[in-house]
Amino acid sequence: MFRLLNEEEKTIDAVQLPFELATAGNPRILNGKQSIPPERERFFNEIKNRDWKYLSKKYIKPPVGLRGSVLLLGRLRRCFSKILHKVLQR
């Protein structure tokens, strides 16, 4: 499974973290009382037939506070790409 994460470099970086940092934001690890989201079943059904790029775009969402920034950066990237494309065509 890990081999799919970075197909270009064929590497994975693993870093040991303190328990508190590794479990931050994951209540299921700490108390086991978190409900299972319906997306989990869909994800595991799709993982057999889809590539990582598709799955990550569909299921991995930035933290709430960063979503606006991520959307803005995406728009800026597309705008910059269009401008660069026009400049290179001249």
N, C-alpha and C. Protein backbone atom coordinates (compact mmCIF):
# COMPACT_ATOMS: atom_id res chain seq x y z
N MET A 1 0.82 -1.20 0.00
CA MET A 1 0.00 0.00 0.00
C MET A 1 0.86 1.26 0.00
N PHE A 2 1.90 1.29 0.82
CA PHE A 2 2.75 2.47 0.89
C PHE A 2 3.41 2.78 -0.45
N ARG A 3 3.66 1.78 -1.26
CA ARG A 3 4.34 2.02 -2.53
C ARG A 3 3.53 2.94 -3.44
N LEU A 4 2.22 3.04 -3.22
CA LEU A 4 1.38 3.89 -4.05
C LEU A 4 1.45 5.36 -3.66
N LEU A 5 1.99 5.66 -2.49
CA LEU A 5 1.94 7.03 -2.00
C LEU A 5 2.85 7.98 -2.75
N ASN A 6 4.02 7.54 -3.14
CA ASN A 6 4.93 8.41 -3.87
C ASN A 6 5.51 7.64 -5.04
N GLU A 7 4.79 7.60 -6.13
CA GLU A 7 5.20 6.83 -7.29
C GLU A 7 6.39 7.44 -8.01
N GLU A 8 6.58 8.75 -7.91
CA GLU A 8 7.68 9.40 -8.62
C GLU A 8 9.03 9.10 -8.00
N GLU A 9 9.14 9.26 -6.70
CA GLU A 9 10.43 9.07 -6.04
C GLU A 9 10.61 7.66 -5.49
N LYS A 10 9.54 6.89 -5.42
CA LYS A 10 9.58 5.54 -4.87
C LYS A 10 10.11 5.53 -3.44
N THR A 11 9.76 6.56 -2.67
CA THR A 11 10.22 6.63 -1.28
C THR A 11 9.06 7.00 -0.36
N ILE A 12 9.25 6.68 0.90
CA ILE A 12 8.31 7.07 1.95
C ILE A 12 9.14 7.59 3.10
N ASP A 13 8.75 8.71 3.64
CA ASP A 13 9.42 9.24 4.83
C ASP A 13 8.60 8.86 6.05
N ALA A 14 9.22 8.17 6.98
CA ALA A 14 8.57 7.80 8.24
C ALA A 14 9.28 8.54 9.37
N VAL A 15 8.49 9.18 10.21
CA VAL A 15 9.05 9.98 11.30
C VAL A 15 8.41 9.53 12.60
N GLN A 16 9.22 9.31 13.62
CA GLN A 16 8.69 8.94 14.92
C GLN A 16 8.28 10.21 15.64
N LEU A 17 7.04 10.21 16.17
CA LEU A 17 6.49 11.38 16.86
C LEU A 17 6.12 11.01 18.29
N PRO A 18 6.07 12.02 19.17
CA PRO A 18 5.55 11.75 20.51
C PRO A 18 4.08 11.31 20.41
N PHE A 19 3.66 10.44 21.32
CA PHE A 19 2.30 9.90 21.31
C PHE A 19 1.25 11.01 21.27
N GLU A 20 1.44 12.05 22.06
CA GLU A 20 0.46 13.14 22.14
C GLU A 20 0.28 13.82 20.79
N LEU A 21 1.36 14.02 20.06
CA LEU A 21 1.29 14.66 18.76
C LEU A 21 0.67 13.72 17.72
N ALA A 22 1.05 12.47 17.77
CA ALA A 22 0.53 11.50 16.80
C ALA A 22 -0.96 11.25 16.97
N THR A 23 -1.47 11.39 18.19
CA THR A 23 -2.89 11.12 18.44
C THR A 23 -3.75 12.37 18.46
N ALA A 24 -3.15 13.54 18.35
CA ALA A 24 -3.92 14.79 18.37
C ALA A 24 -4.93 14.78 17.23
N GLY A 25 -6.16 15.09 17.55
CA GLY A 25 -7.21 15.14 16.53
C GLY A 25 -7.74 13.77 16.13
N ASN A 26 -7.38 12.72 16.86
CA ASN A 26 -7.87 11.39 16.54
C ASN A 26 -8.46 10.76 17.81
N PRO A 27 -9.70 11.13 18.15
CA PRO A 27 -10.31 10.65 19.39
C PRO A 27 -10.52 9.13 19.44
N ARG A 28 -10.63 8.48 18.30
CA ARG A 28 -10.83 7.03 18.31
C ARG A 28 -9.63 6.32 18.94
N ILE A 29 -8.42 6.79 18.68
CA ILE A 29 -7.23 6.18 19.26
C ILE A 29 -7.25 6.35 20.78
N LEU A 30 -7.69 7.50 21.24
CA LEU A 30 -7.63 7.79 22.66
C LEU A 30 -8.73 7.10 23.47
N ASN A 31 -9.97 7.08 22.95
CA ASN A 31 -11.05 6.51 23.76
C ASN A 31 -11.91 5.46 23.05
N GLY A 32 -11.71 5.27 21.76
CA GLY A 32 -12.46 4.25 21.03
C GLY A 32 -13.94 4.54 20.88
N LYS A 33 -14.37 5.77 21.14
CA LYS A 33 -15.80 6.09 21.13
C LYS A 33 -16.20 7.02 19.99
N GLN A 34 -15.54 6.92 18.88
CA GLN A 34 -15.86 7.76 17.74
C GLN A 34 -16.66 6.94 16.74
N SER A 35 -17.72 7.52 16.20
CA SER A 35 -18.53 6.79 15.21
C SER A 35 -17.75 6.65 13.90
N ILE A 36 -18.09 5.62 13.15
CA ILE A 36 -17.42 5.38 11.87
C ILE A 36 -18.13 6.18 10.79
N PRO A 37 -17.42 7.08 10.11
CA PRO A 37 -18.06 7.88 9.07
C PRO A 37 -18.43 7.02 7.86
N PRO A 38 -19.53 7.35 7.19
CA PRO A 38 -19.95 6.55 6.02
C PRO A 38 -18.95 6.58 4.88
N GLU A 39 -18.13 7.62 4.81
CA GLU A 39 -17.13 7.73 3.74
C GLU A 39 -16.08 6.62 3.85
N ARG A 40 -15.87 6.11 5.06
CA ARG A 40 -14.85 5.08 5.26
C ARG A 40 -15.16 3.84 4.42
N GLU A 41 -16.39 3.39 4.44
CA GLU A 41 -16.78 2.21 3.66
C GLU A 41 -16.61 2.49 2.16
N ARG A 42 -17.02 3.67 1.72
CA ARG A 42 -16.87 4.03 0.30
C ARG A 42 -15.40 4.06 -0.10
N PHE A 43 -14.57 4.65 0.77
CA PHE A 43 -13.14 4.73 0.49
C PHE A 43 -12.54 3.34 0.30
N PHE A 44 -12.83 2.44 1.22
CA PHE A 44 -12.25 1.11 1.12
C PHE A 44 -12.81 0.31 -0.05
N ASN A 45 -13.99 0.61 -0.49
CA ASN A 45 -14.51 -0.02 -1.71
C ASN A 45 -13.80 0.52 -2.94
N GLU A 46 -13.51 1.81 -2.95
CA GLU A 46 -12.87 2.43 -4.12
C GLU A 46 -11.37 2.21 -4.18
N ILE A 47 -10.74 1.92 -3.05
CA ILE A 47 -9.29 1.81 -3.02
C ILE A 47 -8.79 0.67 -3.91
N LYS A 48 -9.64 -0.30 -4.17
CA LYS A 48 -9.26 -1.45 -5.00
C LYS A 48 -9.18 -1.08 -6.47
N ASN A 49 -9.94 -0.07 -6.89
CA ASN A 49 -10.05 0.23 -8.32
C ASN A 49 -9.60 1.63 -8.73
N ARG A 50 -9.20 2.45 -7.77
CA ARG A 50 -8.83 3.84 -8.09
C ARG A 50 -7.38 4.11 -7.72
N ASP A 51 -6.79 5.11 -8.35
CA ASP A 51 -5.42 5.46 -8.00
C ASP A 51 -5.39 6.46 -6.85
N TRP A 52 -4.19 6.64 -6.28
CA TRP A 52 -4.04 7.49 -5.09
C TRP A 52 -4.42 8.94 -5.38
N LYS A 53 -4.10 9.44 -6.55
CA LYS A 53 -4.41 10.83 -6.88
C LYS A 53 -5.91 11.08 -6.80
N TYR A 54 -6.70 10.19 -7.38
CA TYR A 54 -8.15 10.32 -7.34
C TYR A 54 -8.66 10.24 -5.90
N LEU A 55 -8.20 9.23 -5.16
CA LEU A 55 -8.67 9.03 -3.79
C LEU A 55 -8.32 10.20 -2.89
N SER A 56 -7.10 10.71 -3.02
CA SER A 56 -6.70 11.82 -2.14
C SER A 56 -7.50 13.08 -2.43
N LYS A 57 -7.79 13.34 -3.70
CA LYS A 57 -8.60 14.52 -4.03
C LYS A 57 -10.03 14.37 -3.51
N LYS A 58 -10.56 13.17 -3.57
CA LYS A 58 -11.94 12.95 -3.18
C LYS A 58 -12.12 12.90 -1.66
N TYR A 59 -11.19 12.28 -0.95
CA TYR A 59 -11.42 12.00 0.46
C TYR A 59 -10.58 12.81 1.45
N ILE A 60 -9.47 13.36 1.03
CA ILE A 60 -8.63 14.09 1.98
C ILE A 60 -8.95 15.57 1.85
N LYS A 61 -9.49 16.12 2.91
CA LYS A 61 -9.87 17.53 2.93
C LYS A 61 -8.93 18.29 3.86
N PRO A 62 -8.55 19.50 3.49
CA PRO A 62 -7.71 20.29 4.39
C PRO A 62 -8.50 20.65 5.66
N PRO A 63 -7.79 20.92 6.76
CA PRO A 63 -8.49 21.36 7.97
C PRO A 63 -9.37 22.58 7.69
N VAL A 64 -10.45 22.70 8.43
CA VAL A 64 -11.45 23.74 8.18
C VAL A 64 -10.82 25.12 8.04
N GLY A 65 -9.89 25.48 8.90
CA GLY A 65 -9.28 26.80 8.86
C GLY A 65 -8.44 27.05 7.62
N LEU A 66 -8.02 25.98 6.94
CA LEU A 66 -7.16 26.14 5.77
C LEU A 66 -7.90 26.00 4.45
N ARG A 67 -9.15 25.60 4.47
CA ARG A 67 -9.86 25.32 3.22
C ARG A 67 -9.93 26.52 2.30
N GLY A 68 -10.21 27.69 2.84
CA GLY A 68 -10.26 28.90 2.01
C GLY A 68 -8.92 29.19 1.38
N SER A 69 -7.86 29.02 2.15
CA SER A 69 -6.51 29.26 1.63
C SER A 69 -6.16 28.27 0.53
N VAL A 70 -6.54 27.02 0.72
CA VAL A 70 -6.25 26.00 -0.27
C VAL A 70 -7.01 26.29 -1.56
N LEU A 71 -8.27 26.68 -1.45
CA LEU A 71 -9.05 27.03 -2.64
C LEU A 71 -8.44 28.23 -3.35
N LEU A 72 -8.04 29.24 -2.59
CA LEU A 72 -7.43 30.43 -3.18
C LEU A 72 -6.12 30.08 -3.88
N LEU A 73 -5.30 29.25 -3.25
CA LEU A 73 -4.04 28.85 -3.88
C LEU A 73 -4.28 28.08 -5.17
N GLY A 74 -5.31 27.24 -5.19
CA GLY A 74 -5.65 26.51 -6.40
C GLY A 74 -6.05 27.45 -7.52
N ARG A 75 -6.86 28.45 -7.20
CA ARG A 75 -7.26 29.44 -8.21
C ARG A 75 -6.06 30.23 -8.71
N LEU A 76 -5.19 30.63 -7.80
CA LEU A 76 -3.99 31.37 -8.20
C LEU A 76 -3.09 30.53 -9.09
N ARG A 77 -2.95 29.25 -8.75
CA ARG A 77 -2.12 28.36 -9.56
C ARG A 77 -2.67 28.23 -10.97
N ARG A 78 -4.00 28.05 -11.08
CA ARG A 78 -4.61 27.94 -12.41
C ARG A 78 -4.45 29.24 -13.20
N CYS A 79 -4.64 30.36 -12.53
CA CYS A 79 -4.50 31.66 -13.19
C CYS A 79 -3.06 31.85 -13.66
N PHE A 80 -2.10 31.55 -12.80
CA PHE A 80 -0.69 31.69 -13.15
C PHE A 80 -0.34 30.76 -14.31
N SER A 81 -0.88 29.54 -14.30
CA SER A 81 -0.60 28.59 -15.38
C SER A 81 -1.11 29.12 -16.72
N LYS A 82 -2.31 29.73 -16.72
CA LYS A 82 -2.86 30.29 -17.96
C LYS A 82 -1.99 31.43 -18.47
N ILE A 83 -1.57 32.30 -17.57
CA ILE A 83 -0.73 33.43 -17.97
C ILE A 83 0.60 32.92 -18.51
N LEU A 84 1.21 31.98 -17.82
CA LEU A 84 2.48 31.42 -18.27
C LEU A 84 2.35 30.75 -19.61
N HIS A 85 1.26 30.03 -19.82
CA HIS A 85 1.01 29.37 -21.09
C HIS A 85 0.92 30.38 -22.22
N LYS A 86 0.22 31.50 -21.98
CA LYS A 86 0.09 32.55 -22.99
C LYS A 86 1.44 33.19 -23.31
N VAL A 87 2.23 33.44 -22.27
CA VAL A 87 3.54 34.06 -22.45
C VAL A 87 4.46 33.13 -23.26
N LEU A 88 4.42 31.86 -22.97
CA LEU A 88 5.30 30.91 -23.66
C LEU A 88 4.88 30.68 -25.11
N GLN A 89 3.62 30.96 -25.44
CA GLN A 89 3.16 30.80 -26.81
C GLN A 89 3.63 31.92 -27.72
N ARG A 90 4.05 33.03 -27.15
CA ARG A 90 4.47 34.18 -27.97
C ARG A 90 5.78 33.96 -28.63
